[in-house]
């Protein structure tokens, strides 16, 4: 952990929110990929600003509940192609962390 550097960002955090006020299984992957692609567009800025070799992405998910109809444990099987070394999802309802 001695090589980990945490820096603040001018960008707002990523929230996945649907109009229904909870996240449903249907459409979730598309929404997740949209958010990842939006941050990936700024990837070069993140890396060059602090001269990092790698960059992780933290996504905070509000709105997952018993009404969601799926378990985020399923996300462990998801593989996305992107520039980030790791993508970490923090689900606020159950205070769970998932690494993609």
PDB file of N, CA and C in Angstrom:
ATOM      1  N   UNK A   1       0.809  -1.201   0.000  1.00  0.00           N
ATOM      2  CA  UNK A   1       0.000   0.000   0.000  1.00  0.00           C
ATOM      3  C   UNK A   1       0.854   1.267   0.000  1.00  0.00           C
ATOM      4  N   UNK A   2       2.170   1.164   0.142  1.00  0.00           N
ATOM      5  CA  UNK A   2       2.994   2.361   0.184  1.00  0.00           C
ATOM      6  C   UNK A   2       3.067   3.075  -1.160  1.00  0.00           C
ATOM      7  N   UNK A   3       2.653   2.412  -2.240  1.00  0.00           N
ATOM      8  CA  UNK A   3       2.699   3.025  -3.565  1.00  0.00           C
ATOM      9  C   UNK A   3       1.359   3.628  -3.974  1.00  0.00           C
ATOM     10  N   UNK A   4       0.393   3.624  -3.087  1.00  0.00           N
ATOM     11  CA  UNK A   4      -0.927   4.160  -3.393  1.00  0.00           C
ATOM     12  C   UNK A   4      -0.940   5.650  -3.092  1.00  0.00           C
ATOM     13  N   UNK A   5      -1.410   6.424  -4.059  1.00  0.00           N
ATOM     14  CA  UNK A   5      -1.531   7.863  -3.884  1.00  0.00           C
ATOM     15  C   UNK A   5      -2.987   8.235  -4.111  1.00  0.00           C
ATOM     16  N   UNK A   6      -3.556   8.971  -3.198  1.00  0.00           N
ATOM     17  CA  UNK A   6      -4.943   9.417  -3.319  1.00  0.00           C
ATOM     18  C   UNK A   6      -4.926  10.913  -3.572  1.00  0.00           C
ATOM     19  N   UNK A   7      -5.599  11.320  -4.645  1.00  0.00           N
ATOM     20  CA  UNK A   7      -5.662  12.738  -4.970  1.00  0.00           C
ATOM     21  C   UNK A   7      -7.111  13.157  -5.099  1.00  0.00           C
ATOM     22  N   UNK A   8      -7.364  14.412  -4.835  1.00  0.00           N
ATOM     23  CA  UNK A   8      -8.719  14.924  -5.010  1.00  0.00           C
ATOM     24  C   UNK A   8      -8.945  15.223  -6.487  1.00  0.00           C
ATOM     25  N   UNK A   9     -10.195  15.318  -6.857  1.00  0.00           N
ATOM     26  CA  UNK A   9     -10.553  15.549  -8.252  1.00  0.00           C
ATOM     27  C   UNK A   9     -11.578  16.670  -8.329  1.00  0.00           C
ATOM     28  N   UNK A  10     -11.470  17.452  -9.382  1.00  0.00           N
ATOM     29  CA  UNK A  10     -12.458  18.511  -9.610  1.00  0.00           C
ATOM     30  C   UNK A  10     -13.753  17.946 -10.175  1.00  0.00           C
ATOM     31  N   UNK A  11     -13.686  16.718 -10.711  1.00  0.00           N
ATOM     32  CA  UNK A  11     -14.874  16.085 -11.279  1.00  0.00           C
ATOM     33  C   UNK A  11     -15.777  15.581 -10.169  1.00  0.00           C
ATOM     34  N   UNK A  12     -17.052  15.583 -10.445  1.00  0.00           N
ATOM     35  CA  UNK A  12     -17.988  15.057  -9.463  1.00  0.00           C
ATOM     36  C   UNK A  12     -17.928  13.543  -9.465  1.00  0.00           C
ATOM     37  N   UNK A  13     -18.372  12.939  -8.396  1.00  0.00           N
ATOM     38  CA  UNK A  13     -18.385  11.481  -8.329  1.00  0.00           C
ATOM     39  C   UNK A  13     -19.385  10.948  -9.334  1.00  0.00           C
ATOM     40  N   UNK A  14     -19.286   9.668  -9.612  1.00  0.00           N
ATOM     41  CA  UNK A  14     -20.199   9.037 -10.556  1.00  0.00           C
ATOM     42  C   UNK A  14     -21.331   8.408  -9.769  1.00  0.00           C
ATOM     43  N   UNK A  15     -22.543   8.811 -10.042  1.00  0.00           N
ATOM     44  CA  UNK A  15     -23.717   8.196  -9.442  1.00  0.00           C
ATOM     45  C   UNK A  15     -24.533   7.547 -10.540  1.00  0.00           C
ATOM     46  N   UNK A  16     -24.975   6.332 -10.298  1.00  0.00           N
ATOM     47  CA  UNK A  16     -25.870   5.666 -11.230  1.00  0.00           C
ATOM     48  C   UNK A  16     -27.278   5.789 -10.656  1.00  0.00           C
ATOM     49  N   UNK A  17     -28.088   6.600 -11.278  1.00  0.00           N
ATOM     50  CA  UNK A  17     -29.436   6.851 -10.774  1.00  0.00           C
ATOM     51  C   UNK A  17     -30.420   6.751 -11.932  1.00  0.00           C
ATOM     52  N   UNK A  18     -31.473   6.013 -11.718  1.00  0.00           N
ATOM     53  CA  UNK A  18     -32.539   5.927 -12.702  1.00  0.00           C
ATOM     54  C   UNK A  18     -33.760   6.669 -12.172  1.00  0.00           C
ATOM     55  N   UNK A  19     -34.693   6.978 -13.037  1.00  0.00           N
ATOM     56  CA  UNK A  19     -35.880   7.738 -12.653  1.00  0.00           C
ATOM     57  C   UNK A  19     -36.708   7.018 -11.594  1.00  0.00           C
ATOM     58  N   UNK A  20     -36.613   5.698 -11.550  1.00  0.00           N
ATOM     59  CA  UNK A  20     -37.411   4.938 -10.596  1.00  0.00           C
ATOM     60  C   UNK A  20     -36.879   5.025  -9.175  1.00  0.00           C
ATOM     61  N   UNK A  21     -35.751   5.698  -8.984  1.00  0.00           N
ATOM     62  CA  UNK A  21     -35.105   5.850  -7.688  1.00  0.00           C
ATOM     63  C   UNK A  21     -34.494   4.555  -7.168  1.00  0.00           C
ATOM     64  N   UNK A  22     -34.447   3.537  -7.987  1.00  0.00           N
ATOM     65  CA  UNK A  22     -33.669   2.358  -7.646  1.00  0.00           C
ATOM     66  C   UNK A  22     -33.135   1.769  -8.937  1.00  0.00           C
ATOM     67  N   UNK A  23     -32.094   0.991  -8.825  1.00  0.00           N
ATOM     68  CA  UNK A  23     -31.461   0.431 -10.009  1.00  0.00           C
ATOM     69  C   UNK A  23     -32.049  -0.938 -10.286  1.00  0.00           C
ATOM     70  N   UNK A  24     -32.495  -1.123 -11.494  1.00  0.00           N
ATOM     71  CA  UNK A  24     -33.059  -2.399 -11.916  1.00  0.00           C
ATOM     72  C   UNK A  24     -32.039  -3.154 -12.750  1.00  0.00           C
ATOM     73  N   UNK A  25     -32.205  -4.449 -12.820  1.00  0.00           N
ATOM     74  CA  UNK A  25     -31.271  -5.281 -13.575  1.00  0.00           C
ATOM     75  C   UNK A  25     -31.297  -4.910 -15.050  1.00  0.00           C
ATOM     76  N   UNK A  26     -32.481  -4.695 -15.576  1.00  0.00           N
ATOM     77  CA  UNK A  26     -32.617  -4.354 -16.995  1.00  0.00           C
ATOM     78  C   UNK A  26     -32.006  -2.979 -17.258  1.00  0.00           C
ATOM     79  N   UNK A  27     -31.090  -2.909 -18.173  1.00  0.00           N
ATOM     80  CA  UNK A  27     -30.460  -1.650 -18.539  1.00  0.00           C
ATOM     81  C   UNK A  27     -29.268  -1.263 -17.687  1.00  0.00           C
ATOM     82  N   UNK A  28     -28.982  -2.038 -16.641  1.00  0.00           N
ATOM     83  CA  UNK A  28     -27.891  -1.676 -15.749  1.00  0.00           C
ATOM     84  C   UNK A  28     -26.539  -1.685 -16.451  1.00  0.00           C
ATOM     85  N   UNK A  29     -26.254  -2.733 -17.217  1.00  0.00           N
ATOM     86  CA  UNK A  29     -24.953  -2.823 -17.883  1.00  0.00           C
ATOM     87  C   UNK A  29     -24.736  -1.681 -18.859  1.00  0.00           C
ATOM     88  N   UNK A  30     -25.776  -1.290 -19.570  1.00  0.00           N
ATOM     89  CA  UNK A  30     -25.659  -0.169 -20.500  1.00  0.00           C
ATOM     90  C   UNK A  30     -25.355   1.116 -19.738  1.00  0.00           C
ATOM     91  N   UNK A  31     -26.045   1.315 -18.630  1.00  0.00           N
ATOM     92  CA  UNK A  31     -25.823   2.504 -17.806  1.00  0.00           C
ATOM     93  C   UNK A  31     -24.411   2.512 -17.231  1.00  0.00           C
ATOM     94  N   UNK A  32     -23.970   1.363 -16.745  1.00  0.00           N
ATOM     95  CA  UNK A  32     -22.615   1.253 -16.201  1.00  0.00           C
ATOM     96  C   UNK A  32     -21.572   1.553 -17.272  1.00  0.00           C
ATOM     97  N   UNK A  33     -21.728   0.974 -18.440  1.00  0.00           N
ATOM     98  CA  UNK A  33     -20.769   1.209 -19.526  1.00  0.00           C
ATOM     99  C   UNK A  33     -20.766   2.656 -19.990  1.00  0.00           C
ATOM    100  N   UNK A  34     -21.923   3.308 -20.005  1.00  0.00           N
ATOM    101  CA  UNK A  34     -21.975   4.742 -20.349  1.00  0.00           C
ATOM    102  C   UNK A  34     -21.136   5.556 -19.383  1.00  0.00           C
ATOM    103  N   UNK A  35     -21.258   5.258 -18.088  1.00  0.00           N
ATOM    104  CA  UNK A  35     -20.516   6.011 -17.069  1.00  0.00           C
ATOM    105  C   UNK A  35     -19.015   5.746 -17.177  1.00  0.00           C
ATOM    106  N   UNK A  36     -18.650   4.495 -17.434  1.00  0.00           N
ATOM    107  CA  UNK A  36     -17.229   4.160 -17.582  1.00  0.00           C
ATOM    108  C   UNK A  36     -16.649   4.876 -18.797  1.00  0.00           C
ATOM    109  N   UNK A  37     -17.380   4.869 -19.909  1.00  0.00           N
ATOM    110  CA  UNK A  37     -16.901   5.530 -21.127  1.00  0.00           C
ATOM    111  C   UNK A  37     -16.756   7.031 -20.926  1.00  0.00           C
ATOM    112  N   UNK A  38     -17.652   7.637 -20.155  1.00  0.00           N
ATOM    113  CA  UNK A  38     -17.556   9.077 -19.893  1.00  0.00           C
ATOM    114  C   UNK A  38     -16.277   9.404 -19.123  1.00  0.00           C
ATOM    115  N   UNK A  39     -15.924   8.577 -18.165  1.00  0.00           N
ATOM    116  CA  UNK A  39     -14.694   8.795 -17.410  1.00  0.00           C
ATOM    117  C   UNK A  39     -13.470   8.408 -18.224  1.00  0.00           C
ATOM    118  N   UNK A  40     -13.622   7.403 -19.077  1.00  0.00           N
ATOM    119  CA  UNK A  40     -12.512   6.972 -19.911  1.00  0.00           C
ATOM    120  C   UNK A  40     -12.095   8.088 -20.876  1.00  0.00           C
ATOM    121  N   UNK A  41     -13.035   8.922 -21.272  1.00  0.00           N
ATOM    122  CA  UNK A  41     -12.723  10.045 -22.156  1.00  0.00           C
ATOM    123  C   UNK A  41     -11.762  11.024 -21.482  1.00  0.00           C
ATOM    124  N   UNK A  42     -11.733  11.030 -20.148  1.00  0.00           N
ATOM    125  CA  UNK A  42     -10.855  11.929 -19.390  1.00  0.00           C
ATOM    126  C   UNK A  42      -9.632  11.201 -18.831  1.00  0.00           C
ATOM    127  N   UNK A  43      -9.470   9.950 -19.197  1.00  0.00           N
ATOM    128  CA  UNK A  43      -8.407   9.119 -18.644  1.00  0.00           C
ATOM    129  C   UNK A  43      -7.029   9.767 -18.783  1.00  0.00           C
ATOM    130  N   UNK A  44      -6.720  10.268 -19.968  1.00  0.00           N
ATOM    131  CA  UNK A  44      -5.401  10.875 -20.198  1.00  0.00           C
ATOM    132  C   UNK A  44      -5.169  12.044 -19.239  1.00  0.00           C
ATOM    133  N   UNK A  45      -6.204  12.830 -18.980  1.00  0.00           N
ATOM    134  CA  UNK A  45      -6.077  13.954 -18.038  1.00  0.00           C
ATOM    135  C   UNK A  45      -5.742  13.465 -16.641  1.00  0.00           C
ATOM    136  N   UNK A  46      -6.390  12.379 -16.215  1.00  0.00           N
ATOM    137  CA  UNK A  46      -6.137  11.842 -14.879  1.00  0.00           C
ATOM    138  C   UNK A  46      -4.695  11.353 -14.744  1.00  0.00           C
ATOM    139  N   UNK A  47      -4.239  10.622 -15.745  1.00  0.00           N
ATOM    140  CA  UNK A  47      -2.891  10.043 -15.702  1.00  0.00           C
ATOM    141  C   UNK A  47      -1.821  11.130 -15.779  1.00  0.00           C
ATOM    142  N   UNK A  48      -1.977  12.052 -16.691  1.00  0.00           N
ATOM    143  CA  UNK A  48      -0.938  13.060 -16.903  1.00  0.00           C
ATOM    144  C   UNK A  48      -0.902  14.117 -15.803  1.00  0.00           C
ATOM    145  N   UNK A  49      -2.020  14.399 -15.169  1.00  0.00           N
ATOM    146  CA  UNK A  49      -2.055  15.442 -14.137  1.00  0.00           C
ATOM    147  C   UNK A  49      -1.127  15.111 -12.973  1.00  0.00           C
ATOM    148  N   UNK A  50      -1.044  13.858 -12.608  1.00  0.00           N
ATOM    149  CA  UNK A  50      -0.199  13.470 -11.482  1.00  0.00           C
ATOM    150  C   UNK A  50       0.930  12.543 -11.903  1.00  0.00           C
ATOM    151  N   UNK A  51       1.098  12.373 -13.203  1.00  0.00           N
ATOM    152  CA  UNK A  51       2.144  11.514 -13.749  1.00  0.00           C
ATOM    153  C   UNK A  51       2.062  10.090 -13.194  1.00  0.00           C
ATOM    154  N   UNK A  52       0.845   9.556 -13.180  1.00  0.00           N
ATOM    155  CA  UNK A  52       0.626   8.178 -12.727  1.00  0.00           C
ATOM    156  C   UNK A  52       0.870   7.206 -13.860  1.00  0.00           C
ATOM    157  N   UNK A  53       1.182   5.969 -13.493  1.00  0.00           N
ATOM    158  CA  UNK A  53       1.308   4.897 -14.466  1.00  0.00           C
ATOM    159  C   UNK A  53      -0.017   4.171 -14.655  1.00  0.00           C
ATOM    160  N   UNK A  54      -0.864   4.224 -13.646  1.00  0.00           N
ATOM    161  CA  UNK A  54      -2.151   3.538 -13.719  1.00  0.00           C
ATOM    162  C   UNK A  54      -3.192   4.353 -12.966  1.00  0.00           C
ATOM    163  N   UNK A  55      -4.446   3.983 -13.199  1.00  0.00           N
ATOM    164  CA  UNK A  55      -5.541   4.736 -12.586  1.00  0.00           C
ATOM    165  C   UNK A  55      -6.702   3.781 -12.313  1.00  0.00           C
ATOM    166  N   UNK A  56      -7.290   3.900 -11.135  1.00  0.00           N
ATOM    167  CA  UNK A  56      -8.468   3.120 -10.786  1.00  0.00           C
ATOM    168  C   UNK A  56      -9.676   4.039 -10.879  1.00  0.00           C
ATOM    169  N   UNK A  57     -10.839   3.448 -11.103  1.00  0.00           N
ATOM    170  CA  UNK A  57     -12.086   4.209 -11.170  1.00  0.00           C
ATOM    171  C   UNK A  57     -13.003   3.724 -10.064  1.00  0.00           C
ATOM    172  N   UNK A  58     -13.505   4.642  -9.258  1.00  0.00           N
ATOM    173  CA  UNK A  58     -14.476   4.336  -8.207  1.00  0.00           C
ATOM    174  C   UNK A  58     -15.839   4.814  -8.669  1.00  0.00           C
ATOM    175  N   UNK A  59     -16.798   3.904  -8.689  1.00  0.00           N
ATOM    176  CA  UNK A  59     -18.176   4.242  -9.047  1.00  0.00           C
ATOM    177  C   UNK A  59     -19.049   3.965  -7.829  1.00  0.00           C
ATOM    178  N   UNK A  60     -19.806   4.963  -7.420  1.00  0.00           N
ATOM    179  CA  UNK A  60     -20.696   4.829  -6.273  1.00  0.00           C
ATOM    180  C   UNK A  60     -22.104   4.598  -6.805  1.00  0.00           C
ATOM    181  N   UNK A  61     -22.711   3.519  -6.335  1.00  0.00           N
ATOM    182  CA  UNK A  61     -24.036   3.138  -6.813  1.00  0.00           C
ATOM    183  C   UNK A  61     -25.036   3.331  -5.682  1.00  0.00           C
ATOM    184  N   UNK A  62     -25.922   4.288  -5.855  1.00  0.00           N
ATOM    185  CA  UNK A  62     -27.048   4.490  -4.936  1.00  0.00           C
ATOM    186  C   UNK A  62     -28.273   3.853  -5.575  1.00  0.00           C
ATOM    187  N   UNK A  63     -29.182   3.383  -4.781  1.00  0.00           N
ATOM    188  CA  UNK A  63     -30.458   2.930  -5.318  1.00  0.00           C
ATOM    189  C   UNK A  63     -30.574   1.441  -5.552  1.00  0.00           C
ATOM    190  N   UNK A  64     -29.626   0.651  -5.077  1.00  0.00           N
ATOM    191  CA  UNK A  64     -29.777  -0.804  -5.159  1.00  0.00           C
ATOM    192  C   UNK A  64     -30.464  -1.237  -3.874  1.00  0.00           C
ATOM    193  N   UNK A  65     -31.562  -1.926  -4.013  1.00  0.00           N
ATOM    194  CA  UNK A  65     -32.309  -2.375  -2.849  1.00  0.00           C
ATOM    195  C   UNK A  65     -32.950  -3.719  -3.149  1.00  0.00           C
ATOM    196  N   UNK A  66     -33.785  -4.180  -2.246  1.00  0.00           N
ATOM    197  CA  UNK A  66     -34.475  -5.449  -2.463  1.00  0.00           C
ATOM    198  C   UNK A  66     -35.415  -5.363  -3.657  1.00  0.00           C
ATOM    199  N   UNK A  67     -35.768  -4.153  -4.083  1.00  0.00           N
ATOM    200  CA  UNK A  67     -36.643  -3.973  -5.246  1.00  0.00           C
ATOM    201  C   UNK A  67     -35.885  -4.060  -6.571  1.00  0.00           C
ATOM    202  N   UNK A  68     -34.578  -4.083  -6.510  1.00  0.00           N
ATOM    203  CA  UNK A  68     -33.767  -4.041  -7.720  1.00  0.00           C
ATOM    204  C   UNK A  68     -33.915  -5.284  -8.593  1.00  0.00           C
ATOM    205  N   UNK A  69     -34.189  -6.409  -8.000  1.00  0.00           N
ATOM    206  CA  UNK A  69     -34.407  -7.619  -8.775  1.00  0.00           C
ATOM    207  C   UNK A  69     -33.130  -8.353  -9.161  1.00  0.00           C
ATOM    208  N   UNK A  70     -31.990  -7.932  -8.647  1.00  0.00           N
ATOM    209  CA  UNK A  70     -30.757  -8.660  -8.925  1.00  0.00           C
ATOM    210  C   UNK A  70     -29.735  -8.401  -7.836  1.00  0.00           C
ATOM    211  N   UNK A  71     -28.762  -9.264  -7.809  1.00  0.00           N
ATOM    212  CA  UNK A  71     -27.710  -9.195  -6.812  1.00  0.00           C
ATOM    213  C   UNK A  71     -26.446  -8.701  -7.505  1.00  0.00           C
ATOM    214  N   UNK A  72     -25.828  -7.675  -6.967  1.00  0.00           N
ATOM    215  CA  UNK A  72     -24.622  -7.133  -7.584  1.00  0.00           C
ATOM    216  C   UNK A  72     -23.455  -8.103  -7.545  1.00  0.00           C
ATOM    217  N   UNK A  73     -23.576  -9.200  -6.807  1.00  0.00           N
ATOM    218  CA  UNK A  73     -22.539 -10.236  -6.834  1.00  0.00           C
ATOM    219  C   UNK A  73     -22.338 -10.741  -8.256  1.00  0.00           C
ATOM    220  N   UNK A  74     -23.388 -10.666  -9.072  1.00  0.00           N
ATOM    221  CA  UNK A  74     -23.302 -11.088 -10.466  1.00  0.00           C
ATOM    222  C   UNK A  74     -22.264 -10.271 -11.240  1.00  0.00           C
ATOM    223  N   UNK A  75     -21.952  -9.094 -10.766  1.00  0.00           N
ATOM    224  CA  UNK A  75     -21.012  -8.218 -11.454  1.00  0.00           C
ATOM    225  C   UNK A  75     -19.591  -8.770 -11.453  1.00  0.00           C
ATOM    226  N   UNK A  76     -19.300  -9.661 -10.533  1.00  0.00           N
ATOM    227  CA  UNK A  76     -17.955 -10.233 -10.488  1.00  0.00           C
ATOM    228  C   UNK A  76     -17.628 -10.994 -11.768  1.00  0.00           C
ATOM    229  N   UNK A  77     -18.659 -11.382 -12.496  1.00  0.00           N
ATOM    230  CA  UNK A  77     -18.464 -12.122 -13.743  1.00  0.00           C
ATOM    231  C   UNK A  77     -18.358 -11.194 -14.956  1.00  0.00           C
ATOM    232  N   UNK A  78     -18.564  -9.899 -14.747  1.00  0.00           N
ATOM    233  CA  UNK A  78     -18.548  -8.941 -15.848  1.00  0.00           C
ATOM    234  C   UNK A  78     -17.113  -8.525 -16.151  1.00  0.00           C
ATOM    235  N   UNK A  79     -16.779  -8.519 -17.422  1.00  0.00           N
ATOM    236  CA  UNK A  79     -15.464  -8.053 -17.849  1.00  0.00           C
ATOM    237  C   UNK A  79     -15.687  -6.918 -18.839  1.00  0.00           C
ATOM    238  N   UNK A  80     -15.165  -5.755 -18.512  1.00  0.00           N
ATOM    239  CA  UNK A  80     -15.289  -4.615 -19.408  1.00  0.00           C
ATOM    240  C   UNK A  80     -13.908  -4.284 -19.950  1.00  0.00           C
ATOM    241  N   UNK A  81     -13.857  -3.884 -21.205  1.00  0.00           N
ATOM    242  CA  UNK A  81     -12.571  -3.449 -21.752  1.00  0.00           C
ATOM    243  C   UNK A  81     -12.500  -1.938 -21.598  1.00  0.00           C
ATOM    244  N   UNK A  82     -11.505  -1.475 -20.875  1.00  0.00           N
ATOM    245  CA  UNK A  82     -11.349  -0.044 -20.620  1.00  0.00           C
ATOM    246  C   UNK A  82      -9.897   0.218 -20.252  1.00  0.00           C
ATOM    247  N   UNK A  83      -9.590   1.472 -20.025  1.00  0.00           N
ATOM    248  CA  UNK A  83      -8.221   1.884 -19.746  1.00  0.00           C
ATOM    249  C   UNK A  83      -7.848   1.827 -18.266  1.00  0.00           C
ATOM    250  N   UNK A  84      -8.830   1.670 -17.402  1.00  0.00           N
ATOM    251  CA  UNK A  84      -8.559   1.690 -15.971  1.00  0.00           C
ATOM    252  C   UNK A  84      -7.985   0.358 -15.508  1.00  0.00           C
ATOM    253  N   UNK A  85      -7.022   0.441 -14.589  1.00  0.00           N
ATOM    254  CA  UNK A  85      -6.429  -0.782 -14.067  1.00  0.00           C
ATOM    255  C   UNK A  85      -7.466  -1.589 -13.288  1.00  0.00           C
ATOM    256  N   UNK A  86      -8.259  -0.887 -12.489  1.00  0.00           N
ATOM    257  CA  UNK A  86      -9.345  -1.524 -11.737  1.00  0.00           C
ATOM    258  C   UNK A  86     -10.549  -0.596 -11.749  1.00  0.00           C
ATOM    259  N   UNK A  87     -11.712  -1.208 -11.718  1.00  0.00           N
ATOM    260  CA  UNK A  87     -12.942  -0.453 -11.512  1.00  0.00           C
ATOM    261  C   UNK A  87     -13.564  -0.993 -10.236  1.00  0.00           C
ATOM    262  N   UNK A  88     -13.787  -0.104  -9.295  1.00  0.00           N
ATOM    263  CA  UNK A  88     -14.338  -0.467  -8.005  1.00  0.00           C
ATOM    264  C   UNK A  88     -15.741   0.122  -7.903  1.00  0.00           C
ATOM    265  N   UNK A  89     -16.705  -0.726  -7.600  1.00  0.00           N
ATOM    266  CA  UNK A  89     -18.077  -0.281  -7.401  1.00  0.00           C
ATOM    267  C   UNK A  89     -18.367  -0.306  -5.907  1.00  0.00           C
ATOM    268  N   UNK A  90     -18.872   0.808  -5.400  1.00  0.00           N
ATOM    269  CA  UNK A  90     -19.301   0.863  -3.997  1.00  0.00           C
ATOM    270  C   UNK A  90     -20.804   1.017  -3.995  1.00  0.00           C
ATOM    271  N   UNK A  91     -21.475   0.018  -3.469  1.00  0.00           N
ATOM    272  CA  UNK A  91     -22.937   0.006  -3.419  1.00  0.00           C
ATOM    273  C   UNK A  91     -23.354   0.478  -2.035  1.00  0.00           C
ATOM    274  N   UNK A  92     -24.046   1.615  -1.981  1.00  0.00           N
ATOM    275  CA  UNK A  92     -24.321   2.275  -0.712  1.00  0.00           C
ATOM    276  C   UNK A  92     -25.404   1.592   0.126  1.00  0.00           C
ATOM    277  N   UNK A  93     -26.356   0.908  -0.497  1.00  0.00           N
ATOM    278  CA  UNK A  93     -27.463   0.286   0.231  1.00  0.00           C
ATOM    279  C   UNK A  93     -26.939  -0.748   1.226  1.00  0.00           C
ATOM    280  N   UNK A  94     -26.055  -1.611   0.764  1.00  0.00           N
ATOM    281  CA  UNK A  94     -25.505  -2.658   1.610  1.00  0.00           C
ATOM    282  C   UNK A  94     -24.074  -2.402   2.023  1.00  0.00           C
ATOM    283  N   UNK A  95     -23.530  -1.250   1.650  1.00  0.00           N
ATOM    284  CA  UNK A  95     -22.133  -0.896   1.922  1.00  0.00           C
ATOM    285  C   UNK A  95     -21.185  -1.998   1.458  1.00  0.00           C
ATOM    286  N   UNK A  96     -21.388  -2.426   0.209  1.00  0.00           N
ATOM    287  CA  UNK A  96     -20.569  -3.498  -0.356  1.00  0.00           C
ATOM    288  C   UNK A  96     -19.663  -2.947  -1.449  1.00  0.00           C
ATOM    289  N   UNK A  97     -18.516  -3.582  -1.595  1.00  0.00           N
ATOM    290  CA  UNK A  97     -17.548  -3.199  -2.612  1.00  0.00           C
ATOM    291  C   UNK A  97     -17.394  -4.363  -3.583  1.00  0.00           C
ATOM    292  N   UNK A  98     -17.404  -4.033  -4.876  1.00  0.00           N
ATOM    293  CA  UNK A  98     -17.230  -5.016  -5.937  1.00  0.00           C
ATOM    294  C   UNK A  98     -16.116  -4.517  -6.846  1.00  0.00           C
ATOM    295  N   UNK A  99     -15.220  -5.403  -7.216  1.00  0.00           N
ATOM    296  CA  UNK A  99     -14.131  -5.044  -8.119  1.00  0.00           C
ATOM    297  C   UNK A  99     -14.365  -5.736  -9.444  1.00  0.00           C
ATOM    298  N   UNK A 100     -14.401  -4.933 -10.519  1.00  0.00           N
ATOM    299  CA  UNK A 100     -14.600  -5.497 -11.855  1.00  0.00           C
ATOM    300  C   UNK A 100     -13.262  -5.822 -12.459  1.00  0.00           C
TER     301      UNK A 100
END
